[in-house]
N, C-alpha and C. Protein backbone atom coordinates (compact mmCIF):
# COMPACT_ATOMS: atom_id res chain seq x y z
N MET A 1 0.84 -1.17 -0.04
CA MET A 1 0.00 -0.02 -0.01
C MET A 1 0.87 1.20 0.01
N ASP A 2 0.59 2.18 -0.90
CA ASP A 2 1.37 3.33 -0.95
C ASP A 2 0.83 4.50 -0.18
N GLY A 3 -0.43 4.45 0.36
CA GLY A 3 -0.99 5.54 1.16
C GLY A 3 -1.61 6.64 0.33
N ARG A 4 -1.54 6.54 -0.92
CA ARG A 4 -2.15 7.64 -1.81
C ARG A 4 -3.70 7.55 -1.50
N GLY A 5 -4.33 8.74 -1.37
CA GLY A 5 -5.78 8.77 -1.19
C GLY A 5 -6.22 8.60 0.23
N ARG A 6 -5.22 8.33 1.17
CA ARG A 6 -5.70 8.11 2.54
C ARG A 6 -6.35 9.32 3.18
N TYR A 7 -5.90 10.44 2.76
CA TYR A 7 -6.50 11.66 3.35
C TYR A 7 -7.97 11.76 3.04
N LEU A 8 -8.40 11.17 1.99
CA LEU A 8 -9.79 11.13 1.63
C LEU A 8 -10.52 10.20 2.53
N ASP A 9 -10.06 9.12 3.02
CA ASP A 9 -10.66 8.27 3.95
C ASP A 9 -10.81 8.91 5.33
N ILE A 10 -9.78 9.62 5.76
CA ILE A 10 -9.86 10.23 7.14
C ILE A 10 -10.84 11.36 7.18
N ILE A 11 -11.28 11.95 6.09
CA ILE A 11 -12.14 13.13 6.08
C ILE A 11 -13.49 12.62 6.68
N PHE A 12 -13.89 11.47 6.35
CA PHE A 12 -15.24 10.93 6.83
C PHE A 12 -15.13 10.65 8.37
N VAL A 13 -14.02 10.08 8.75
CA VAL A 13 -13.93 9.78 10.17
C VAL A 13 -13.84 11.10 10.99
N GLU A 14 -13.12 12.03 10.49
CA GLU A 14 -12.99 13.29 11.26
C GLU A 14 -14.37 13.99 11.32
N ARG A 15 -15.19 13.91 10.28
CA ARG A 15 -16.45 14.54 10.28
C ARG A 15 -17.39 13.83 11.22
N LEU A 16 -17.32 12.53 11.27
CA LEU A 16 -18.16 11.73 12.26
C LEU A 16 -17.79 12.13 13.62
N TRP A 17 -16.48 12.11 14.02
CA TRP A 17 -16.10 12.52 15.40
C TRP A 17 -16.47 13.92 15.74
N ARG A 18 -16.43 14.80 14.74
CA ARG A 18 -16.77 16.19 15.00
C ARG A 18 -18.29 16.22 15.43
N THR A 19 -19.10 15.45 14.66
CA THR A 19 -20.54 15.48 14.95
C THR A 19 -20.78 14.82 16.35
N VAL A 20 -20.08 13.71 16.66
CA VAL A 20 -20.24 13.03 17.90
C VAL A 20 -19.88 13.97 19.05
N LYS A 21 -18.83 14.70 18.90
CA LYS A 21 -18.35 15.62 20.02
C LYS A 21 -19.39 16.78 20.15
N VAL A 22 -19.86 17.37 19.08
CA VAL A 22 -20.76 18.50 19.13
C VAL A 22 -22.13 18.06 19.72
N GLU A 23 -22.67 16.97 19.20
CA GLU A 23 -24.05 16.53 19.53
C GLU A 23 -24.11 15.73 20.75
N GLU A 24 -22.98 15.18 21.34
CA GLU A 24 -23.11 14.32 22.55
C GLU A 24 -22.09 14.63 23.59
N VAL A 25 -20.77 14.63 23.27
CA VAL A 25 -19.71 14.65 24.22
C VAL A 25 -19.72 16.01 24.98
N TYR A 26 -19.82 17.16 24.15
CA TYR A 26 -19.74 18.49 24.81
C TYR A 26 -21.00 18.80 25.59
N LEU A 27 -22.09 18.07 25.37
CA LEU A 27 -23.33 18.35 26.11
C LEU A 27 -23.45 17.62 27.46
N ARG A 28 -22.51 16.68 27.71
CA ARG A 28 -22.53 15.82 28.93
C ARG A 28 -21.26 15.99 29.66
N ASP A 29 -21.34 15.69 30.98
CA ASP A 29 -20.21 15.64 31.81
C ASP A 29 -20.11 14.33 32.36
N TYR A 30 -19.34 13.41 31.65
CA TYR A 30 -19.18 12.04 32.04
C TYR A 30 -18.38 11.90 33.27
N ASP A 31 -18.95 11.16 34.27
CA ASP A 31 -18.21 10.97 35.59
C ASP A 31 -17.27 9.73 35.54
N THR A 32 -17.77 8.79 34.78
CA THR A 32 -17.04 7.52 34.77
C THR A 32 -16.85 7.04 33.28
N VAL A 33 -15.95 6.10 33.08
CA VAL A 33 -15.77 5.54 31.74
C VAL A 33 -16.97 4.78 31.30
N THR A 34 -17.53 4.04 32.29
CA THR A 34 -18.76 3.26 32.07
C THR A 34 -19.91 4.11 31.56
N GLU A 35 -20.04 5.29 32.19
CA GLU A 35 -21.10 6.20 31.78
C GLU A 35 -20.80 6.74 30.39
N ALA A 36 -19.60 7.08 30.07
CA ALA A 36 -19.28 7.51 28.73
C ALA A 36 -19.53 6.38 27.66
N VAL A 37 -19.12 5.16 27.99
CA VAL A 37 -19.41 4.03 27.03
C VAL A 37 -20.95 3.97 26.85
N TYR A 38 -21.70 4.01 27.88
CA TYR A 38 -23.22 3.76 27.77
C TYR A 38 -23.75 4.89 26.89
N TYR A 39 -23.42 6.18 27.18
CA TYR A 39 -24.03 7.27 26.41
C TYR A 39 -23.56 7.32 24.95
N LEU A 40 -22.27 7.03 24.79
CA LEU A 40 -21.77 7.03 23.38
C LEU A 40 -22.42 5.86 22.59
N GLY A 41 -22.55 4.75 23.24
CA GLY A 41 -23.22 3.62 22.54
C GLY A 41 -24.70 3.97 22.21
N ARG A 42 -25.38 4.67 23.13
CA ARG A 42 -26.77 5.12 22.86
C ARG A 42 -26.75 6.08 21.67
N TYR A 43 -25.74 7.00 21.65
CA TYR A 43 -25.75 8.06 20.58
C TYR A 43 -25.45 7.40 19.22
N PHE A 44 -24.53 6.42 19.17
CA PHE A 44 -24.25 5.72 17.92
C PHE A 44 -25.42 4.98 17.41
N LYS A 45 -26.22 4.35 18.29
CA LYS A 45 -27.48 3.73 17.82
C LYS A 45 -28.40 4.80 17.16
N PHE A 46 -28.55 5.95 17.85
CA PHE A 46 -29.32 7.03 17.31
C PHE A 46 -28.82 7.48 15.99
N TYR A 47 -27.50 7.61 15.89
CA TYR A 47 -26.84 8.16 14.74
C TYR A 47 -27.02 7.22 13.48
N ASN A 48 -26.93 5.94 13.70
CA ASN A 48 -27.06 5.05 12.70
C ASN A 48 -28.44 4.52 12.31
N TYR A 49 -29.40 4.63 13.24
CA TYR A 49 -30.70 4.09 13.00
C TYR A 49 -31.89 5.11 12.96
N GLU A 50 -31.62 6.26 13.49
CA GLU A 50 -32.75 7.29 13.66
C GLU A 50 -32.39 8.60 12.99
N ARG A 51 -31.17 9.06 13.07
CA ARG A 51 -30.80 10.39 12.56
C ARG A 51 -30.71 10.38 11.05
N LEU A 52 -31.56 11.29 10.43
CA LEU A 52 -31.54 11.36 8.97
C LEU A 52 -30.28 12.17 8.55
N HIS A 53 -29.71 11.80 7.46
CA HIS A 53 -28.46 12.47 6.91
C HIS A 53 -28.75 13.02 5.52
N GLU A 54 -28.60 14.32 5.43
CA GLU A 54 -28.91 15.01 4.17
C GLU A 54 -28.08 14.43 2.99
N SER A 55 -26.81 14.17 3.24
CA SER A 55 -25.95 13.58 2.24
C SER A 55 -26.35 12.19 1.77
N LEU A 56 -27.22 11.57 2.57
CA LEU A 56 -27.68 10.22 2.19
C LEU A 56 -29.07 10.20 1.63
N GLY A 57 -29.48 11.45 1.20
CA GLY A 57 -30.91 11.53 0.75
C GLY A 57 -31.94 11.39 1.88
N TYR A 58 -31.55 11.94 3.01
CA TYR A 58 -32.48 11.87 4.19
C TYR A 58 -32.93 10.46 4.57
N GLN A 59 -31.90 9.67 4.50
CA GLN A 59 -32.00 8.21 4.99
C GLN A 59 -31.03 8.14 6.16
N THR A 60 -31.18 7.07 6.90
CA THR A 60 -30.17 6.76 7.99
C THR A 60 -29.05 5.90 7.35
N PRO A 61 -27.89 5.89 8.01
CA PRO A 61 -26.84 5.08 7.50
C PRO A 61 -27.27 3.58 7.48
N ALA A 62 -28.03 3.12 8.43
CA ALA A 62 -28.51 1.69 8.41
C ALA A 62 -29.35 1.42 7.10
N GLU A 63 -30.17 2.32 6.80
CA GLU A 63 -31.04 2.13 5.61
C GLU A 63 -30.19 2.06 4.39
N VAL A 64 -29.19 2.92 4.27
CA VAL A 64 -28.33 2.89 3.09
C VAL A 64 -27.48 1.63 3.08
N TYR A 65 -26.87 1.24 4.20
CA TYR A 65 -25.96 0.13 4.21
C TYR A 65 -26.69 -1.22 3.97
N PHE A 66 -27.81 -1.33 4.67
CA PHE A 66 -28.62 -2.59 4.55
C PHE A 66 -29.52 -2.63 3.41
N GLY A 67 -29.62 -1.48 2.65
CA GLY A 67 -30.48 -1.48 1.50
C GLY A 67 -32.01 -1.34 1.73
N VAL A 68 -32.37 -0.94 2.98
CA VAL A 68 -33.74 -0.87 3.24
C VAL A 68 -34.12 0.61 3.10
N PHE A 69 -35.20 0.87 2.29
CA PHE A 69 -35.64 2.26 2.19
C PHE A 69 -36.90 2.41 2.89
N ALA A 70 -36.95 3.27 3.86
CA ALA A 70 -38.12 3.57 4.55
C ALA A 70 -38.17 5.10 4.66
N PRO A 71 -39.05 5.82 3.90
CA PRO A 71 -39.06 7.29 4.02
C PRO A 71 -39.49 7.70 5.41
N PRO A 72 -39.09 8.87 5.84
CA PRO A 72 -39.39 9.41 7.15
C PRO A 72 -40.95 9.37 7.25
N VAL A 73 -41.41 9.20 8.54
CA VAL A 73 -42.82 9.10 8.74
C VAL A 73 -43.57 10.38 8.24
N ALA A 74 -42.97 11.58 8.43
CA ALA A 74 -43.69 12.80 7.97
C ALA A 74 -43.84 12.86 6.50
N LEU A 75 -43.11 12.05 5.66
CA LEU A 75 -43.19 12.09 4.29
C LEU A 75 -44.09 11.03 3.70
N ARG A 76 -44.55 10.10 4.52
CA ARG A 76 -45.33 8.97 4.11
C ARG A 76 -46.85 9.37 4.09
N ALA A 77 -47.50 8.84 2.95
CA ALA A 77 -48.90 9.08 2.86
C ALA A 77 -49.67 8.21 3.86
N PRO A 78 -50.80 8.66 4.32
CA PRO A 78 -51.50 7.87 5.32
C PRO A 78 -51.92 6.53 4.63
N SER A 79 -51.83 5.44 5.38
CA SER A 79 -52.20 4.10 4.82
C SER A 79 -53.69 3.99 4.67
N GLY A 80 -54.04 3.50 3.53
CA GLY A 80 -55.49 3.34 3.20
C GLY A 80 -56.10 4.60 2.66
N ALA A 81 -55.42 5.70 2.58
CA ALA A 81 -55.99 6.91 2.10
C ALA A 81 -56.13 6.83 0.51
N LYS A 82 -57.37 7.20 0.13
CA LYS A 82 -57.59 7.16 -1.29
C LYS A 82 -57.91 8.66 -1.73
N ALA A 83 -57.55 8.96 -2.96
CA ALA A 83 -57.90 10.23 -3.49
C ALA A 83 -59.43 10.30 -3.78
N PRO A 84 -60.07 11.39 -3.39
CA PRO A 84 -61.61 11.44 -3.73
C PRO A 84 -61.86 11.53 -5.26
N LYS A 85 -62.86 10.80 -5.62
CA LYS A 85 -63.28 10.83 -6.99
C LYS A 85 -64.07 12.15 -7.36
N VAL A 86 -63.96 12.59 -8.54
CA VAL A 86 -64.67 13.68 -9.03
C VAL A 86 -66.19 13.44 -8.84
N GLY A 87 -66.86 14.42 -8.22
CA GLY A 87 -68.32 14.26 -7.99
C GLY A 87 -68.63 13.52 -6.73
N ASP A 88 -67.65 13.11 -5.89
CA ASP A 88 -67.94 12.39 -4.72
C ASP A 88 -68.49 13.41 -3.74
N LYS A 89 -69.67 13.12 -3.16
CA LYS A 89 -70.30 14.08 -2.19
C LYS A 89 -69.96 13.76 -0.75
N SER A 90 -69.17 12.76 -0.51
CA SER A 90 -68.89 12.35 0.84
C SER A 90 -67.84 13.29 1.52
N ILE A 91 -67.26 14.21 0.79
CA ILE A 91 -66.23 15.03 1.30
C ILE A 91 -66.87 16.18 2.14
């Protein structure tokens, strides 16, 4: 390995840790290592499975990685909803 292009790989890691620090670490005062491990684990679950990412088309990393597409709840049409027909008086 010649190491060329390695700086491109580290950009994503640096961006992730910046986000983790701003959204989790700087907001808490961990008293023990166990507490830090717990809260960071909880944050990474949120980051990977719940937090929408603009660069991923407003999907979570888990949806992109595992190939599951589930649009955010706010963007989903109500289930069973049908468009009213022209002349329908039930509206």
